[in-house]
Every structure is written in structure tokens, then in C-alpha cells.
Amino acid sequence: MEKKQIGGFEHIRFPYQEIPEQEVISRSEDFYHSMSKRRTIREFDSRPIPITVLENIIRTAGTAPSGAHKQPWTFCLISDSQIKRKIRLAAEEEERISYSSRMSETWKNDLKPLGTNWEKPFLEEAPYLIVVFKQSYGMENDEKIQHYYVNESVGIACGFLIAAIHQAGLVTVTHTPSPMNFLSEILGRPKHEKPYLLLPVGYPKEETYVPNIKRKDLEDILIRF
């Protein structure tokens, strides 16, 4: 492995292996076609998943870039049925309040085509829950370590996580009950960690239906200069 000192710090040579242009095109097309089949799923089969799969998915999320390489994330993996039950009850309580008083009529009308409501049975039905926490700052030997671009870094890691879940042949739904402080309490997380995203993970039920929605065309999301 080739090494070099840059600014007084050791760097290693990036092991880039160039591939033919046509393969670059093929890879980009294949990945797009795979990800275009990804859908948000709220109906989960309860069959188990090898723990290695979940570990690999979270490893993938941990490869995301982060501000100053501080990696300001914690992933809690939950399979315990009692903990999942507590999370469901707490989430549904917050969601019930949101649907009854926090959310505007416009918001609720926008959600109607998706068929959502305050009930979240998937929080118990999915074999695993992944709760992502963002670290506002780090802790080392009882001293605070400054973190940078925390929301952006954790958001990118969650994108990696969702893509990894799909590539493994599993499904998920991004769940963000608000407020989410109950997750910190149930999972006993330290005060410098704040809940960011809750992802049930599993296989879809044999007969699962999703809203017949359409994604924006490329020309609607791309501006060329």
C-alpha cells in the first residue's frame, strides 16, 4: 500500500480501478433500474432475516461521508418484541395527537392518497427496527468532541442505509413521529444523541399493495448548464 505524508498526516493511495466507459454506463443504468423499483412499504412479513444481513446494511450506512470524518451517527438495531411494542405505543400516541391537532388540513389531505393514519402496526410486525440517532457532539473520556454538518452527514448515511436495504431484497418505510424523544428514553441513549429516523426492516407481506404514484421525470428534476 502506497503512503504519503500530506500536511503532516499519513495518506494512502486511492486504489481506483478504471473500467470501460460502456460498463460505467451499464452500471449507472442497472443501479437506476434497481432503485426505481424501491417503494415505501408498510405491510411486513414476520419471517426472520439473518443478522448478518442487518449488520452488512448498517456497515454500508457507516461508509457515508461526514463532516470532518466525525461519523456522527448511532444505529440501534431492535428485534426484541417488548421494546418494539413500547416503541409502537409511544409512536402511535404522538401520531394520534399529530393527526388530531398538530397537522394542518392541507397536510392531511396530501397524505390521503398514501393511505396513512396514526396507527403503526408495522413497528411490531417488522422483524427489525433500525433507529438512527444523530450525535450533536461526540464524547471521549468525558470530554465533548465537536461535530460538523451533523444533519447533512446523518441524512447521507440514511440514504446509504435505505439503498442498502433495497439492494439486499428487503423493504422499509421512513418513519418520523414528531416529537421522537420517546426513542431516547426507551433505548436509553445519552443526551448528546438525538433520534433522527426510524426504519422498520423486513420482507413485504405476500400480497402488498402500494399507492399508484408517479415519480417526477428527469427533466422535472434536472437543470443543465
Protein backbone atom coordinates (compact mmCIF):
# COMPACT_ATOMS: atom_id res chain seq x y z
CA MET A 1 0.00 0.00 0.00
CA GLU A 2 1.49 3.30 -1.10
CA LYS A 3 1.59 6.01 1.58
CA LYS A 4 2.36 9.71 1.52
CA GLN A 5 2.63 12.47 4.10
CA ILE A 6 0.32 15.39 3.29
CA GLY A 7 0.21 18.31 5.72
CA GLY A 8 1.89 16.17 8.33
CA PHE A 9 -0.71 13.39 8.12
CA GLU A 10 -0.44 9.98 6.52
CA HIS A 11 -2.47 9.41 3.36
CA ILE A 12 -2.82 6.20 1.39
CA ARG A 13 -3.19 5.98 -2.35
CA PHE A 14 -6.76 5.52 -3.52
CA PRO A 15 -6.98 2.08 -5.21
CA TYR A 16 -9.04 3.26 -8.18
CA GLN A 17 -9.52 0.72 -10.93
CA GLU A 18 -10.74 2.28 -14.15
CA ILE A 19 -13.46 0.45 -16.01
CA PRO A 20 -14.54 0.86 -19.66
CA GLU A 21 -16.95 3.69 -20.42
CA GLN A 22 -19.67 1.32 -21.60
CA GLU A 23 -19.54 -0.50 -18.29
CA VAL A 24 -19.81 2.83 -16.46
CA ILE A 25 -22.99 3.49 -18.43
CA SER A 26 -24.31 -0.01 -17.77
CA ARG A 27 -23.64 0.19 -14.06
CA SER A 28 -25.41 3.54 -13.79
CA GLU A 29 -28.42 2.19 -15.70
CA ASP A 30 -28.57 -1.04 -13.70
CA PHE A 31 -28.45 0.80 -10.39
CA TYR A 32 -31.15 3.24 -11.51
CA HIS A 33 -33.45 0.44 -12.69
CA SER A 34 -32.93 -1.39 -9.40
CA MET A 35 -33.60 1.68 -7.25
CA SER A 36 -36.60 2.68 -9.38
CA LYS A 37 -38.33 -0.44 -8.05
CA ARG A 38 -37.88 0.73 -4.45
CA ARG A 39 -41.15 1.59 -2.73
CA THR A 40 -42.20 2.58 0.76
CA ILE A 41 -43.80 -0.48 2.36
CA ARG A 42 -45.98 -0.55 5.48
CA GLU A 43 -47.00 -4.21 5.48
CA PHE A 44 -44.32 -6.58 6.71
CA ASP A 45 -43.99 -10.34 6.82
CA SER A 46 -42.75 -11.51 10.20
CA ARG A 47 -40.27 -14.11 8.86
CA PRO A 48 -36.76 -13.71 10.24
CA ILE A 49 -33.73 -12.23 8.49
CA PRO A 50 -30.16 -13.40 9.13
CA ILE A 51 -28.48 -10.95 11.49
CA THR A 52 -25.51 -10.78 9.11
CA VAL A 53 -27.73 -9.06 6.55
CA LEU A 54 -28.66 -6.32 9.02
CA GLU A 55 -25.05 -5.90 10.08
CA ASN A 56 -23.94 -5.53 6.46
CA ILE A 57 -26.67 -2.97 5.79
CA ILE A 58 -25.56 -0.88 8.75
CA ARG A 59 -21.90 -1.28 7.77
CA THR A 60 -22.85 0.18 4.39
CA ALA A 61 -24.54 3.16 6.03
CA GLY A 62 -21.36 3.69 8.03
CA THR A 63 -19.37 4.22 4.81
CA ALA A 64 -21.14 7.53 4.17
CA PRO A 65 -19.10 10.74 4.09
CA SER A 66 -19.38 13.06 7.10
CA GLY A 67 -18.19 16.48 8.18
CA ALA A 68 -14.51 16.27 9.16
CA HIS A 69 -15.00 12.47 9.16
CA LYS A 70 -16.60 12.59 12.61
CA GLN A 71 -19.20 9.94 11.67
CA PRO A 72 -21.85 11.47 13.96
CA TRP A 73 -24.32 8.58 13.93
CA THR A 74 -25.51 5.69 16.04
CA PHE A 75 -27.68 2.87 14.68
CA CYS A 76 -29.83 0.97 17.18
CA LEU A 77 -30.97 -2.42 15.87
CA ILE A 78 -34.06 -3.78 17.61
CA SER A 79 -35.61 -7.23 17.39
CA ASP A 80 -36.89 -7.54 20.98
CA SER A 81 -40.70 -7.77 20.82
CA GLN A 82 -41.24 -5.94 24.10
CA ILE A 83 -39.12 -2.99 23.02
CA LYS A 84 -40.88 -2.89 19.65
CA ARG A 85 -44.21 -2.85 21.49
CA LYS A 86 -43.12 0.10 23.63
CA ILE A 87 -41.94 1.98 20.56
CA ARG A 88 -45.20 1.33 18.72
CA LEU A 89 -47.38 2.52 21.60
CA ALA A 90 -45.31 5.67 22.12
CA ALA A 91 -45.17 6.43 18.39
CA GLU A 92 -48.91 5.93 17.96
CA GLU A 93 -49.61 8.26 20.85
CA GLU A 94 -47.60 11.03 19.19
CA GLU A 95 -49.12 10.26 15.79
CA ARG A 96 -52.65 10.33 17.23
CA ILE A 97 -52.03 13.82 18.58
CA SER A 98 -50.44 14.92 15.30
CA TYR A 99 -53.37 13.74 13.19
CA SER A 100 -55.91 15.29 15.55
CA SER A 101 -54.29 18.67 16.27
CA ARG A 102 -50.73 19.23 15.02
CA MET A 103 -51.12 18.62 11.29
CA SER A 104 -52.84 21.11 9.01
CA GLU A 105 -55.79 20.09 6.85
CA THR A 106 -53.61 20.61 3.77
CA TRP A 107 -51.03 18.19 5.14
CA LYS A 108 -53.64 15.57 5.96
CA ASN A 109 -55.25 15.95 2.53
CA ASP A 110 -51.85 15.48 0.88
CA LEU A 111 -51.42 12.23 2.81
CA LYS A 112 -54.82 10.76 1.88
CA PRO A 113 -53.66 9.21 -1.45
CA LEU A 114 -50.94 7.36 0.50
CA GLY A 115 -53.43 5.78 2.89
CA THR A 116 -51.60 6.67 6.10
CA ASN A 117 -53.07 7.27 9.56
CA TRP A 118 -51.94 7.33 13.19
CA GLU A 119 -51.89 3.53 13.52
CA LYS A 120 -48.41 2.00 13.00
CA PRO A 121 -48.69 -1.81 13.30
CA PHE A 122 -45.55 -2.22 11.17
CA LEU A 123 -43.49 -1.15 14.19
CA GLU A 124 -44.30 -4.54 15.72
CA GLU A 125 -44.74 -6.64 12.60
CA ALA A 126 -41.34 -5.95 11.01
CA PRO A 127 -38.68 -8.35 12.35
CA TYR A 128 -36.26 -5.47 12.88
CA LEU A 129 -36.35 -1.78 13.62
CA ILE A 130 -33.36 0.45 12.97
CA VAL A 131 -33.41 3.71 14.91
CA VAL A 132 -30.86 6.23 13.67
CA PHE A 133 -29.55 8.77 16.15
CA LYS A 134 -27.55 11.86 15.28
CA GLN A 135 -24.74 12.83 17.63
CA SER A 136 -24.91 16.58 18.27
CA TYR A 137 -21.36 16.24 19.57
CA GLY A 138 -19.05 13.35 20.40
CA MET A 139 -17.87 12.18 23.81
CA GLU A 140 -14.40 10.86 24.56
CA ASN A 141 -13.06 10.42 28.10
CA ASP A 142 -15.90 12.63 29.40
CA GLU A 143 -14.91 15.43 27.04
CA LYS A 144 -17.06 16.90 24.29
CA ILE A 145 -15.84 16.43 20.72
CA GLN A 146 -17.16 18.94 18.20
CA HIS A 147 -19.09 17.57 15.22
CA TYR A 148 -19.76 19.35 11.94
CA TYR A 149 -22.65 19.26 9.45
CA VAL A 150 -24.41 16.69 11.60
CA ASN A 151 -27.83 16.77 9.89
CA GLU A 152 -26.30 16.61 6.44
CA SER A 153 -23.94 13.77 7.40
CA VAL A 154 -26.62 11.65 9.05
CA GLY A 155 -29.02 12.34 6.19
CA ILE A 156 -26.48 10.99 3.69
CA ALA A 157 -25.89 7.91 5.87
CA CYS A 158 -29.64 7.27 5.94
CA GLY A 159 -29.71 7.45 2.14
CA PHE A 160 -26.99 4.82 2.02
CA LEU A 161 -28.95 2.76 4.56
CA ILE A 162 -32.19 2.83 2.54
CA ALA A 163 -30.35 1.92 -0.67
CA ALA A 164 -28.59 -0.97 1.12
CA ILE A 165 -31.90 -2.27 2.47
CA HIS A 166 -33.37 -2.29 -1.03
CA GLN A 167 -30.30 -3.89 -2.61
CA ALA A 168 -30.48 -6.69 -0.04
CA GLY A 169 -34.00 -7.52 -1.24
CA LEU A 170 -35.74 -6.09 1.82
CA VAL A 171 -38.20 -3.24 2.29
CA THR A 172 -38.66 -0.34 4.68
CA VAL A 173 -40.64 2.79 5.46
CA THR A 174 -39.12 6.03 6.72
CA HIS A 175 -40.98 6.80 9.93
CA THR A 176 -40.53 10.12 11.70
CA PRO A 177 -43.02 10.53 14.53
CA SER A 178 -42.72 14.02 15.95
CA PRO A 179 -41.55 14.57 18.60
CA MET A 180 -39.32 11.49 18.84
CA ASN A 181 -37.83 11.95 22.30
CA PHE A 182 -39.51 8.75 23.48
CA LEU A 183 -36.96 6.79 21.43
CA SER A 184 -34.11 8.19 23.51
CA GLU A 185 -35.90 7.20 26.69
CA ILE A 186 -36.91 3.69 25.61
CA LEU A 187 -33.45 2.90 24.21
CA GLY A 188 -31.50 4.63 26.98
CA ARG A 189 -29.41 6.82 24.69
CA PRO A 190 -27.13 9.55 26.10
CA LYS A 191 -28.18 13.21 25.92
CA HIS A 192 -25.82 14.07 23.05
CA GLU A 193 -27.68 11.64 20.77
CA LYS A 194 -30.97 12.77 19.24
CA PRO A 195 -33.39 10.48 17.33
CA TYR A 196 -33.27 11.18 13.59
CA LEU A 197 -35.11 8.39 11.75
CA LEU A 198 -36.94 5.13 12.46
CA LEU A 199 -36.83 2.37 9.84
CA PRO A 200 -38.72 -0.93 10.10
CA VAL A 201 -36.91 -3.55 8.01
CA GLY A 202 -38.15 -6.86 6.65
CA TYR A 203 -39.80 -8.68 3.77
CA PRO A 204 -43.16 -7.44 2.43
CA LYS A 205 -46.29 -9.46 3.02
CA GLU A 206 -47.14 -11.80 0.16
CA GLU A 207 -49.99 -9.55 -1.01
CA THR A 208 -48.88 -5.99 -0.52
CA TYR A 209 -50.35 -3.02 -2.35
CA VAL A 210 -48.74 0.41 -2.71
CA PRO A 211 -50.19 3.71 -3.95
CA ASN A 212 -50.16 4.10 -7.72
CA ILE A 213 -47.91 7.14 -7.73
CA LYS A 214 -45.51 8.51 -10.34
CA ARG A 215 -42.04 9.92 -9.77
CA LYS A 216 -41.01 13.16 -11.44
CA ASP A 217 -39.41 12.81 -14.85
CA LEU A 218 -35.73 13.59 -15.26
CA GLU A 219 -36.48 16.90 -17.00
CA ASP A 220 -38.50 17.97 -13.95
CA ILE A 221 -35.61 17.49 -11.53
CA LEU A 222 -32.55 18.19 -13.68
CA ILE A 223 -31.34 21.62 -14.79
CA ARG A 224 -28.48 21.58 -17.27
CA PHE A 225 -25.94 24.42 -17.56
